[in-house]
N, C-alpha and C. Protein backbone atom coordinates (compact mmCIF):
# COMPACT_ATOMS: atom_id res chain seq x y z
N MET A 1 -86.95 19.39 15.05
CA MET A 1 -85.96 18.57 14.38
C MET A 1 -84.57 18.91 14.90
N ILE A 2 -83.73 17.91 14.93
CA ILE A 2 -82.33 18.10 15.30
C ILE A 2 -81.50 18.09 14.03
N TYR A 3 -80.60 19.07 13.92
CA TYR A 3 -79.77 19.22 12.73
C TYR A 3 -78.29 19.27 13.08
N ILE A 4 -77.49 18.90 12.11
CA ILE A 4 -76.04 19.04 12.18
C ILE A 4 -75.66 19.98 11.03
N ALA A 5 -74.98 21.08 11.36
CA ALA A 5 -74.54 22.02 10.32
C ALA A 5 -73.02 22.07 10.32
N ILE A 6 -72.46 22.09 9.12
CA ILE A 6 -71.01 22.19 8.99
C ILE A 6 -70.71 23.37 8.07
N LEU A 7 -69.76 24.18 8.50
CA LEU A 7 -69.37 25.38 7.78
C LEU A 7 -68.02 25.15 7.13
N ARG A 8 -67.80 25.80 6.01
CA ARG A 8 -66.53 25.63 5.30
C ARG A 8 -65.65 26.86 5.47
N GLY A 9 -64.40 26.61 5.85
CA GLY A 9 -63.38 27.63 5.77
C GLY A 9 -63.34 28.68 6.85
N ILE A 10 -63.89 28.39 8.03
CA ILE A 10 -63.78 29.38 9.10
C ILE A 10 -62.65 28.99 10.06
N ASN A 11 -62.08 30.01 10.69
CA ASN A 11 -61.00 29.83 11.68
C ASN A 11 -59.84 28.99 11.13
N VAL A 12 -59.54 29.18 9.85
CA VAL A 12 -58.43 28.48 9.22
C VAL A 12 -57.31 29.48 8.96
N SER A 13 -56.14 29.23 9.52
CA SER A 13 -54.97 30.10 9.32
C SER A 13 -55.28 31.56 9.60
N GLY A 14 -56.08 31.81 10.60
CA GLY A 14 -56.37 33.18 11.00
C GLY A 14 -57.39 33.92 10.16
N SER A 15 -57.97 33.26 9.16
CA SER A 15 -58.95 33.95 8.33
C SER A 15 -60.37 33.53 8.70
N LYS A 16 -61.30 34.40 8.37
CA LYS A 16 -62.72 34.19 8.66
C LYS A 16 -62.92 33.72 10.10
N LYS A 17 -62.46 34.56 11.03
CA LYS A 17 -62.58 34.22 12.45
C LYS A 17 -64.04 34.25 12.88
N LEU A 18 -64.43 33.20 13.54
CA LEU A 18 -65.79 33.07 14.05
C LEU A 18 -65.71 32.39 15.41
N PRO A 19 -65.68 33.18 16.49
CA PRO A 19 -65.63 32.58 17.84
C PRO A 19 -66.87 31.74 18.09
N MET A 20 -66.67 30.54 18.59
CA MET A 20 -67.78 29.61 18.76
C MET A 20 -68.81 30.09 19.77
N ALA A 21 -68.40 30.76 20.83
CA ALA A 21 -69.37 31.28 21.80
C ALA A 21 -70.27 32.32 21.12
N ALA A 22 -69.69 33.20 20.34
CA ALA A 22 -70.47 34.21 19.61
C ALA A 22 -71.35 33.54 18.55
N PHE A 23 -70.84 32.49 17.93
CA PHE A 23 -71.62 31.77 16.92
C PHE A 23 -72.84 31.10 17.56
N ARG A 24 -72.65 30.48 18.73
CA ARG A 24 -73.78 29.86 19.43
C ARG A 24 -74.84 30.92 19.77
N GLU A 25 -74.39 32.07 20.23
CA GLU A 25 -75.31 33.16 20.57
C GLU A 25 -76.06 33.64 19.33
N LEU A 26 -75.36 33.78 18.21
CA LEU A 26 -75.98 34.19 16.96
C LEU A 26 -77.07 33.20 16.54
N LEU A 27 -76.79 31.91 16.65
CA LEU A 27 -77.79 30.90 16.27
C LEU A 27 -78.97 30.91 17.22
N SER A 28 -78.72 31.14 18.50
CA SER A 28 -79.82 31.23 19.47
C SER A 28 -80.72 32.41 19.12
N LYS A 29 -80.13 33.52 18.70
CA LYS A 29 -80.93 34.70 18.30
C LYS A 29 -81.76 34.42 17.06
N LEU A 30 -81.34 33.47 16.25
CA LEU A 30 -82.12 33.07 15.06
C LEU A 30 -83.29 32.17 15.43
N GLY A 31 -83.37 31.79 16.71
CA GLY A 31 -84.46 30.94 17.17
C GLY A 31 -84.11 29.47 17.30
N PHE A 32 -82.84 29.12 17.07
CA PHE A 32 -82.42 27.74 17.22
C PHE A 32 -82.27 27.43 18.71
N GLU A 33 -82.51 26.18 19.06
CA GLU A 33 -82.44 25.77 20.47
C GLU A 33 -81.36 24.72 20.67
N ASP A 34 -80.91 24.60 21.92
CA ASP A 34 -79.92 23.58 22.31
C ASP A 34 -78.69 23.61 21.40
N VAL A 35 -78.21 24.79 21.08
CA VAL A 35 -77.09 24.96 20.16
C VAL A 35 -75.79 24.51 20.85
N GLN A 36 -75.08 23.61 20.18
CA GLN A 36 -73.78 23.13 20.67
C GLN A 36 -72.79 23.12 19.51
N THR A 37 -71.58 23.61 19.78
CA THR A 37 -70.53 23.57 18.77
C THR A 37 -69.47 22.55 19.16
N TYR A 38 -68.73 22.12 18.18
CA TYR A 38 -67.62 21.19 18.42
C TYR A 38 -66.38 21.72 17.71
N ILE A 39 -65.33 21.86 18.44
CA ILE A 39 -64.06 22.46 18.04
C ILE A 39 -64.29 23.78 17.29
N GLN A 40 -63.26 24.36 16.78
CA GLN A 40 -63.34 25.72 16.23
C GLN A 40 -63.56 25.78 14.72
N SER A 41 -63.78 24.65 14.08
CA SER A 41 -63.81 24.65 12.62
C SER A 41 -65.21 24.64 12.01
N GLY A 42 -66.20 25.09 12.77
CA GLY A 42 -67.53 25.25 12.18
C GLY A 42 -68.38 24.01 12.16
N ASN A 43 -68.54 23.41 13.32
CA ASN A 43 -69.40 22.23 13.48
C ASN A 43 -70.41 22.56 14.55
N VAL A 44 -71.69 22.40 14.25
CA VAL A 44 -72.72 22.78 15.21
C VAL A 44 -73.92 21.84 15.10
N VAL A 45 -74.52 21.55 16.24
CA VAL A 45 -75.78 20.82 16.28
C VAL A 45 -76.81 21.72 16.96
N PHE A 46 -78.07 21.58 16.57
CA PHE A 46 -79.11 22.44 17.13
C PHE A 46 -80.48 21.85 16.84
N ARG A 47 -81.47 22.40 17.53
CA ARG A 47 -82.86 22.07 17.26
C ARG A 47 -83.50 23.27 16.56
N SER A 48 -84.41 22.96 15.64
CA SER A 48 -85.18 24.00 14.99
C SER A 48 -86.52 23.42 14.53
N ALA A 49 -87.55 24.25 14.58
CA ALA A 49 -88.86 23.83 14.08
C ALA A 49 -88.90 23.90 12.55
N LYS A 50 -87.97 24.63 11.97
CA LYS A 50 -87.93 24.76 10.50
C LYS A 50 -87.57 23.41 9.89
N LYS A 51 -88.14 23.12 8.73
CA LYS A 51 -87.94 21.82 8.09
C LYS A 51 -87.04 21.86 6.87
N ASN A 52 -86.88 23.00 6.22
CA ASN A 52 -86.12 23.09 4.98
C ASN A 52 -84.64 23.31 5.28
N GLN A 53 -83.83 22.30 5.02
CA GLN A 53 -82.41 22.34 5.36
C GLN A 53 -81.66 23.40 4.56
N GLU A 54 -82.01 23.56 3.29
CA GLU A 54 -81.35 24.57 2.46
C GLU A 54 -81.64 25.97 3.01
N GLU A 55 -82.88 26.20 3.41
CA GLU A 55 -83.24 27.50 3.99
C GLU A 55 -82.50 27.71 5.31
N LEU A 56 -82.36 26.67 6.11
CA LEU A 56 -81.61 26.79 7.37
C LEU A 56 -80.16 27.18 7.09
N GLY A 57 -79.54 26.52 6.12
CA GLY A 57 -78.17 26.84 5.76
C GLY A 57 -78.04 28.27 5.27
N ASP A 58 -79.00 28.71 4.44
CA ASP A 58 -78.99 30.09 3.95
C ASP A 58 -79.18 31.08 5.08
N LEU A 59 -80.06 30.77 6.01
CA LEU A 59 -80.31 31.64 7.16
C LEU A 59 -79.03 31.82 7.99
N ILE A 60 -78.33 30.72 8.24
CA ILE A 60 -77.08 30.78 9.00
C ILE A 60 -76.03 31.58 8.23
N ALA A 61 -75.89 31.29 6.94
CA ALA A 61 -74.89 31.99 6.12
C ALA A 61 -75.17 33.50 6.07
N LYS A 62 -76.43 33.87 5.92
CA LYS A 62 -76.79 35.30 5.87
C LYS A 62 -76.54 35.99 7.21
N ALA A 63 -76.80 35.29 8.31
CA ALA A 63 -76.54 35.88 9.63
C ALA A 63 -75.04 36.10 9.84
N ILE A 64 -74.22 35.16 9.39
CA ILE A 64 -72.77 35.31 9.49
C ILE A 64 -72.31 36.47 8.61
N LYS A 65 -72.85 36.56 7.40
CA LYS A 65 -72.50 37.66 6.49
C LYS A 65 -72.83 39.00 7.12
N LYS A 66 -74.02 39.10 7.70
CA LYS A 66 -74.46 40.35 8.32
C LYS A 66 -73.58 40.72 9.52
N GLN A 67 -73.28 39.73 10.36
CA GLN A 67 -72.53 39.99 11.60
C GLN A 67 -71.03 40.16 11.35
N TYR A 68 -70.45 39.35 10.44
CA TYR A 68 -68.99 39.32 10.28
C TYR A 68 -68.50 39.77 8.90
N ASP A 69 -69.42 39.99 7.97
CA ASP A 69 -69.12 40.50 6.64
C ASP A 69 -68.23 39.57 5.81
N TYR A 70 -68.47 38.28 5.89
CA TYR A 70 -67.84 37.35 4.95
C TYR A 70 -68.79 36.20 4.65
N ASP A 71 -68.56 35.61 3.50
CA ASP A 71 -69.40 34.51 3.04
C ASP A 71 -68.86 33.18 3.53
N VAL A 72 -69.75 32.35 4.05
CA VAL A 72 -69.38 31.03 4.53
C VAL A 72 -70.41 30.02 4.03
N PRO A 73 -69.98 29.05 3.24
CA PRO A 73 -70.91 27.99 2.85
C PRO A 73 -71.32 27.16 4.08
N VAL A 74 -72.61 26.86 4.18
CA VAL A 74 -73.15 26.10 5.31
C VAL A 74 -73.98 24.94 4.77
N LEU A 75 -73.65 23.73 5.19
CA LEU A 75 -74.43 22.55 4.83
C LEU A 75 -75.15 22.05 6.08
N VAL A 76 -76.42 21.74 5.95
CA VAL A 76 -77.23 21.29 7.07
C VAL A 76 -77.77 19.89 6.77
N LYS A 77 -77.59 18.98 7.73
CA LYS A 77 -78.04 17.59 7.57
C LYS A 77 -78.91 17.20 8.77
N THR A 78 -79.81 16.26 8.54
CA THR A 78 -80.57 15.67 9.64
C THR A 78 -79.73 14.54 10.25
N ILE A 79 -80.12 14.08 11.42
CA ILE A 79 -79.42 12.94 12.03
C ILE A 79 -79.50 11.72 11.12
N ASP A 80 -80.67 11.47 10.55
CA ASP A 80 -80.81 10.30 9.66
C ASP A 80 -79.88 10.40 8.45
N GLN A 81 -79.76 11.58 7.86
CA GLN A 81 -78.84 11.75 6.74
C GLN A 81 -77.39 11.52 7.19
N TRP A 82 -77.07 11.98 8.38
CA TRP A 82 -75.72 11.81 8.93
C TRP A 82 -75.42 10.32 9.14
N LYS A 83 -76.39 9.60 9.72
CA LYS A 83 -76.22 8.16 9.94
C LYS A 83 -76.08 7.40 8.62
N THR A 84 -76.84 7.80 7.62
CA THR A 84 -76.74 7.16 6.30
C THR A 84 -75.36 7.39 5.71
N ALA A 85 -74.85 8.61 5.85
CA ALA A 85 -73.51 8.92 5.35
C ALA A 85 -72.47 8.03 6.04
N ILE A 86 -72.61 7.84 7.33
CA ILE A 86 -71.69 6.98 8.08
C ILE A 86 -71.78 5.53 7.58
N ALA A 87 -73.01 5.05 7.43
CA ALA A 87 -73.23 3.66 7.03
C ALA A 87 -72.74 3.36 5.62
N ASN A 88 -72.68 4.37 4.77
CA ASN A 88 -72.30 4.17 3.37
C ASN A 88 -70.80 4.11 3.13
N ASN A 89 -69.98 4.23 4.16
CA ASN A 89 -68.53 4.24 3.97
C ASN A 89 -68.06 2.97 3.25
N PRO A 90 -67.48 3.12 2.05
CA PRO A 90 -67.04 1.94 1.30
C PRO A 90 -65.63 1.47 1.68
N PHE A 91 -64.95 2.21 2.56
CA PHE A 91 -63.54 1.91 2.86
C PHE A 91 -63.37 1.36 4.28
N THR A 92 -64.24 0.46 4.68
CA THR A 92 -64.21 -0.05 6.05
C THR A 92 -63.01 -0.97 6.32
N GLU A 93 -62.31 -1.40 5.28
CA GLU A 93 -61.20 -2.33 5.46
C GLU A 93 -59.88 -1.61 5.78
N THR A 94 -59.85 -0.28 5.74
CA THR A 94 -58.60 0.44 5.97
C THR A 94 -58.69 1.34 7.19
N ASP A 95 -57.57 1.94 7.55
CA ASP A 95 -57.43 2.78 8.75
C ASP A 95 -58.35 4.00 8.68
N ILE A 96 -59.31 4.05 9.57
CA ILE A 96 -60.30 5.13 9.56
C ILE A 96 -59.68 6.48 9.88
N SER A 97 -58.51 6.50 10.53
CA SER A 97 -57.88 7.78 10.87
C SER A 97 -57.33 8.47 9.62
N LYS A 98 -57.26 7.77 8.51
CA LYS A 98 -56.79 8.35 7.24
C LYS A 98 -57.95 8.54 6.26
N GLN A 99 -59.16 8.57 6.82
CA GLN A 99 -60.36 8.69 5.99
C GLN A 99 -61.17 9.90 6.41
N GLY A 100 -62.06 10.30 5.52
CA GLY A 100 -62.98 11.38 5.82
C GLY A 100 -64.13 11.35 4.84
N ILE A 101 -65.05 12.28 5.05
CA ILE A 101 -66.16 12.45 4.12
C ILE A 101 -66.17 13.91 3.69
N THR A 102 -66.24 14.10 2.38
CA THR A 102 -66.49 15.42 1.83
C THR A 102 -67.98 15.52 1.57
N PHE A 103 -68.63 16.43 2.28
CA PHE A 103 -70.07 16.63 2.14
C PHE A 103 -70.30 17.67 1.05
N LEU A 104 -71.20 17.36 0.14
CA LEU A 104 -71.51 18.23 -0.99
C LEU A 104 -72.86 18.91 -0.79
N ALA A 105 -72.98 20.13 -1.30
CA ALA A 105 -74.24 20.86 -1.20
C ALA A 105 -75.34 20.24 -2.06
N THR A 106 -74.94 19.58 -3.15
CA THR A 106 -75.90 18.93 -4.04
C THR A 106 -75.36 17.56 -4.44
N THR A 107 -76.24 16.71 -4.91
CA THR A 107 -75.83 15.41 -5.41
C THR A 107 -75.36 15.60 -6.85
N PRO A 108 -74.11 15.24 -7.13
CA PRO A 108 -73.59 15.47 -8.49
C PRO A 108 -74.18 14.49 -9.50
N GLU A 109 -74.34 14.98 -10.73
CA GLU A 109 -74.80 14.12 -11.81
C GLU A 109 -73.67 13.20 -12.26
N GLU A 110 -72.48 13.75 -12.32
CA GLU A 110 -71.29 12.99 -12.74
C GLU A 110 -70.59 12.43 -11.50
N THR A 111 -70.30 11.14 -11.51
CA THR A 111 -69.63 10.53 -10.36
C THR A 111 -68.28 9.93 -10.71
N THR A 112 -67.84 10.13 -11.95
CA THR A 112 -66.54 9.64 -12.37
C THR A 112 -65.63 10.84 -12.62
N ILE A 113 -64.54 10.90 -11.89
CA ILE A 113 -63.58 11.99 -12.05
C ILE A 113 -62.21 11.36 -12.22
N GLU A 114 -61.49 11.79 -13.23
CA GLU A 114 -60.14 11.29 -13.46
C GLU A 114 -59.13 12.15 -12.73
N ILE A 115 -58.27 11.51 -11.95
CA ILE A 115 -57.18 12.21 -11.26
C ILE A 115 -56.12 11.19 -10.89
N ASP A 116 -54.86 11.58 -11.03
CA ASP A 116 -53.77 10.74 -10.55
C ASP A 116 -53.55 11.09 -9.09
N SER A 117 -54.14 10.32 -8.22
CA SER A 117 -54.09 10.62 -6.79
C SER A 117 -53.23 9.64 -6.00
N LYS A 118 -52.27 9.01 -6.70
CA LYS A 118 -51.36 8.04 -6.08
C LYS A 118 -52.16 6.95 -5.38
N ASP A 119 -51.95 6.78 -4.08
CA ASP A 119 -52.65 5.73 -3.34
C ASP A 119 -53.99 6.20 -2.77
N ASP A 120 -54.29 7.48 -2.91
CA ASP A 120 -55.54 8.01 -2.37
C ASP A 120 -56.72 7.53 -3.22
N ARG A 121 -57.82 7.23 -2.53
CA ARG A 121 -59.01 6.77 -3.21
C ARG A 121 -60.20 7.61 -2.79
N PHE A 122 -61.19 7.67 -3.66
CA PHE A 122 -62.45 8.32 -3.29
C PHE A 122 -63.59 7.62 -4.00
N LYS A 123 -64.76 7.75 -3.40
CA LYS A 123 -65.97 7.19 -4.00
C LYS A 123 -67.11 8.15 -3.69
N ILE A 124 -67.83 8.51 -4.73
CA ILE A 124 -68.99 9.40 -4.58
C ILE A 124 -70.23 8.55 -4.40
N ILE A 125 -70.93 8.79 -3.30
CA ILE A 125 -72.20 8.11 -3.02
C ILE A 125 -73.19 9.18 -2.57
N ASN A 126 -74.23 9.37 -3.32
CA ASN A 126 -75.23 10.40 -3.05
C ASN A 126 -74.54 11.77 -3.03
N SER A 127 -74.68 12.53 -1.94
CA SER A 127 -74.07 13.86 -1.86
C SER A 127 -72.83 13.84 -0.97
N GLU A 128 -72.19 12.68 -0.87
CA GLU A 128 -70.97 12.56 -0.08
C GLU A 128 -69.86 11.93 -0.93
N ILE A 129 -68.64 12.36 -0.63
CA ILE A 129 -67.47 11.75 -1.25
C ILE A 129 -66.66 11.13 -0.12
N TYR A 130 -66.46 9.85 -0.19
CA TYR A 130 -65.70 9.12 0.82
C TYR A 130 -64.23 9.12 0.42
N LEU A 131 -63.39 9.52 1.34
CA LEU A 131 -61.96 9.64 1.08
C LEU A 131 -61.17 8.61 1.88
N ASP A 132 -60.18 8.04 1.24
CA ASP A 132 -59.22 7.17 1.91
C ASP A 132 -57.84 7.66 1.46
N CYS A 133 -57.13 8.31 2.35
CA CYS A 133 -55.85 8.97 2.03
C CYS A 133 -54.75 8.43 2.93
N PRO A 134 -54.14 7.30 2.56
CA PRO A 134 -53.13 6.67 3.41
C PRO A 134 -51.94 7.58 3.73
N GLY A 135 -51.63 8.52 2.84
CA GLY A 135 -50.52 9.44 3.08
C GLY A 135 -50.91 10.65 3.91
N GLY A 136 -52.17 10.75 4.27
CA GLY A 136 -52.65 11.87 5.08
C GLY A 136 -53.34 12.93 4.23
N PHE A 137 -54.18 13.72 4.88
CA PHE A 137 -54.96 14.73 4.18
C PHE A 137 -54.11 15.91 3.73
N GLY A 138 -53.00 16.15 4.39
CA GLY A 138 -52.13 17.27 4.02
C GLY A 138 -51.43 17.08 2.70
N ARG A 139 -51.38 15.86 2.20
CA ARG A 139 -50.66 15.57 0.95
C ARG A 139 -51.56 15.16 -0.21
N THR A 140 -52.83 15.04 0.03
CA THR A 140 -53.72 14.55 -1.02
C THR A 140 -54.10 15.64 -2.01
N LYS A 141 -54.39 15.22 -3.23
CA LYS A 141 -54.93 16.11 -4.25
C LYS A 141 -56.46 16.17 -4.14
N LEU A 142 -57.03 15.32 -3.31
CA LEU A 142 -58.48 15.22 -3.17
C LEU A 142 -58.99 16.25 -2.17
N THR A 143 -58.98 17.51 -2.58
CA THR A 143 -59.34 18.62 -1.69
C THR A 143 -60.74 19.14 -1.99
N ASN A 144 -61.24 19.97 -1.08
CA ASN A 144 -62.53 20.62 -1.31
C ASN A 144 -62.52 21.40 -2.62
N ASN A 145 -61.46 22.18 -2.85
CA ASN A 145 -61.38 22.98 -4.07
C ASN A 145 -61.40 22.11 -5.32
N PHE A 146 -60.69 20.99 -5.29
CA PHE A 146 -60.68 20.07 -6.43
C PHE A 146 -62.09 19.59 -6.74
N PHE A 147 -62.79 19.09 -5.73
CA PHE A 147 -64.13 18.56 -5.96
C PHE A 147 -65.12 19.66 -6.35
N GLU A 148 -64.98 20.84 -5.77
CA GLU A 148 -65.87 21.93 -6.14
C GLU A 148 -65.70 22.30 -7.62
N ARG A 149 -64.47 22.35 -8.10
CA ARG A 149 -64.23 22.67 -9.51
C ARG A 149 -64.81 21.58 -10.42
N LYS A 150 -64.56 20.34 -10.08
CA LYS A 150 -64.99 19.23 -10.95
C LYS A 150 -66.49 19.00 -10.92
N LEU A 151 -67.11 19.18 -9.76
CA LEU A 151 -68.53 18.82 -9.60
C LEU A 151 -69.46 20.03 -9.59
N LYS A 152 -68.89 21.23 -9.57
CA LYS A 152 -69.68 22.48 -9.62
C LYS A 152 -70.67 22.57 -8.47
N THR A 153 -70.19 22.27 -7.26
CA THR A 153 -71.01 22.40 -6.06
C THR A 153 -70.09 22.68 -4.88
N GLN A 154 -70.66 23.18 -3.79
CA GLN A 154 -69.86 23.46 -2.60
C GLN A 154 -69.54 22.17 -1.87
N ALA A 155 -68.37 22.17 -1.21
CA ALA A 155 -67.91 20.97 -0.51
C ALA A 155 -67.20 21.35 0.79
N THR A 156 -67.34 20.51 1.79
CA THR A 156 -66.57 20.66 3.01
C THR A 156 -66.32 19.28 3.59
N THR A 157 -65.12 19.07 4.11
CA THR A 157 -64.68 17.74 4.53
C THR A 157 -64.53 17.65 6.04
N ARG A 158 -64.87 16.48 6.58
CA ARG A 158 -64.67 16.21 8.00
C ARG A 158 -64.02 14.83 8.15
N ASN A 159 -63.18 14.71 9.17
CA ASN A 159 -62.59 13.40 9.48
C ASN A 159 -63.58 12.60 10.32
N TRP A 160 -63.27 11.32 10.50
CA TRP A 160 -64.23 10.44 11.19
C TRP A 160 -64.38 10.76 12.66
N LYS A 161 -63.35 11.24 13.31
CA LYS A 161 -63.48 11.63 14.72
C LYS A 161 -64.55 12.71 14.85
N THR A 162 -64.49 13.71 14.00
CA THR A 162 -65.47 14.79 14.03
C THR A 162 -66.85 14.29 13.63
N ILE A 163 -66.92 13.45 12.64
CA ILE A 163 -68.21 12.92 12.18
C ILE A 163 -68.93 12.18 13.31
N TYR A 164 -68.19 11.32 14.01
CA TYR A 164 -68.80 10.57 15.12
C TYR A 164 -69.14 11.47 16.29
N LYS A 165 -68.31 12.45 16.59
CA LYS A 165 -68.58 13.37 17.70
C LYS A 165 -69.83 14.18 17.44
N LEU A 166 -70.01 14.65 16.21
CA LEU A 166 -71.22 15.40 15.88
C LEU A 166 -72.47 14.54 16.00
N LEU A 167 -72.36 13.27 15.61
CA LEU A 167 -73.49 12.36 15.80
C LEU A 167 -73.80 12.20 17.28
N ASP A 168 -72.78 12.00 18.10
CA ASP A 168 -72.98 11.87 19.55
C ASP A 168 -73.67 13.11 20.13
N LEU A 169 -73.20 14.29 19.74
CA LEU A 169 -73.80 15.53 20.24
C LEU A 169 -75.26 15.63 19.81
N ALA A 170 -75.53 15.33 18.55
CA ALA A 170 -76.90 15.41 18.06
C ALA A 170 -77.83 14.43 18.76
N GLU A 171 -77.33 13.22 18.98
CA GLU A 171 -78.18 12.21 19.65
C GLU A 171 -78.39 12.52 21.13
N SER A 172 -77.54 13.36 21.71
CA SER A 172 -77.70 13.69 23.14
C SER A 172 -78.66 14.86 23.36
N LEU A 173 -79.11 15.52 22.28
CA LEU A 173 -80.04 16.65 22.45
C LEU A 173 -81.43 16.16 22.82
């Protein structure tokens, strides 16, 4: 199976440094094949015979903890799940460069959250939150921490350029 894994909070402002070359080597030692990373923010595609995505995420997180001594949330998706997330975007009428997807570790039971987010919009569909932030991501209240507090699950966000690039990498394996 081909998987896309996204990590939260590495190589941000000098904290939780994880060199991508070393990360690829670490994943290869775990038995993953065709490991490829994209940019420095914890995006990786790989092949694995293992089928349980949660176990794969835990395996990666534990290996990082052992090697680097810090905790990193890891979400693992199949190509089909990634394509479904792309297809479900409800904000196709606006500028995609001001949009992203917050990927959640679990599907939330509650999908209505009250927040005064000015012109920013979000919609929860399955285990993804679609963001439309016309003022940019640097100014929005719709952050990973906000959604984690409200929904009681782990979250990590990617912009559409990264989302499409990871799909391209996965489909080329």
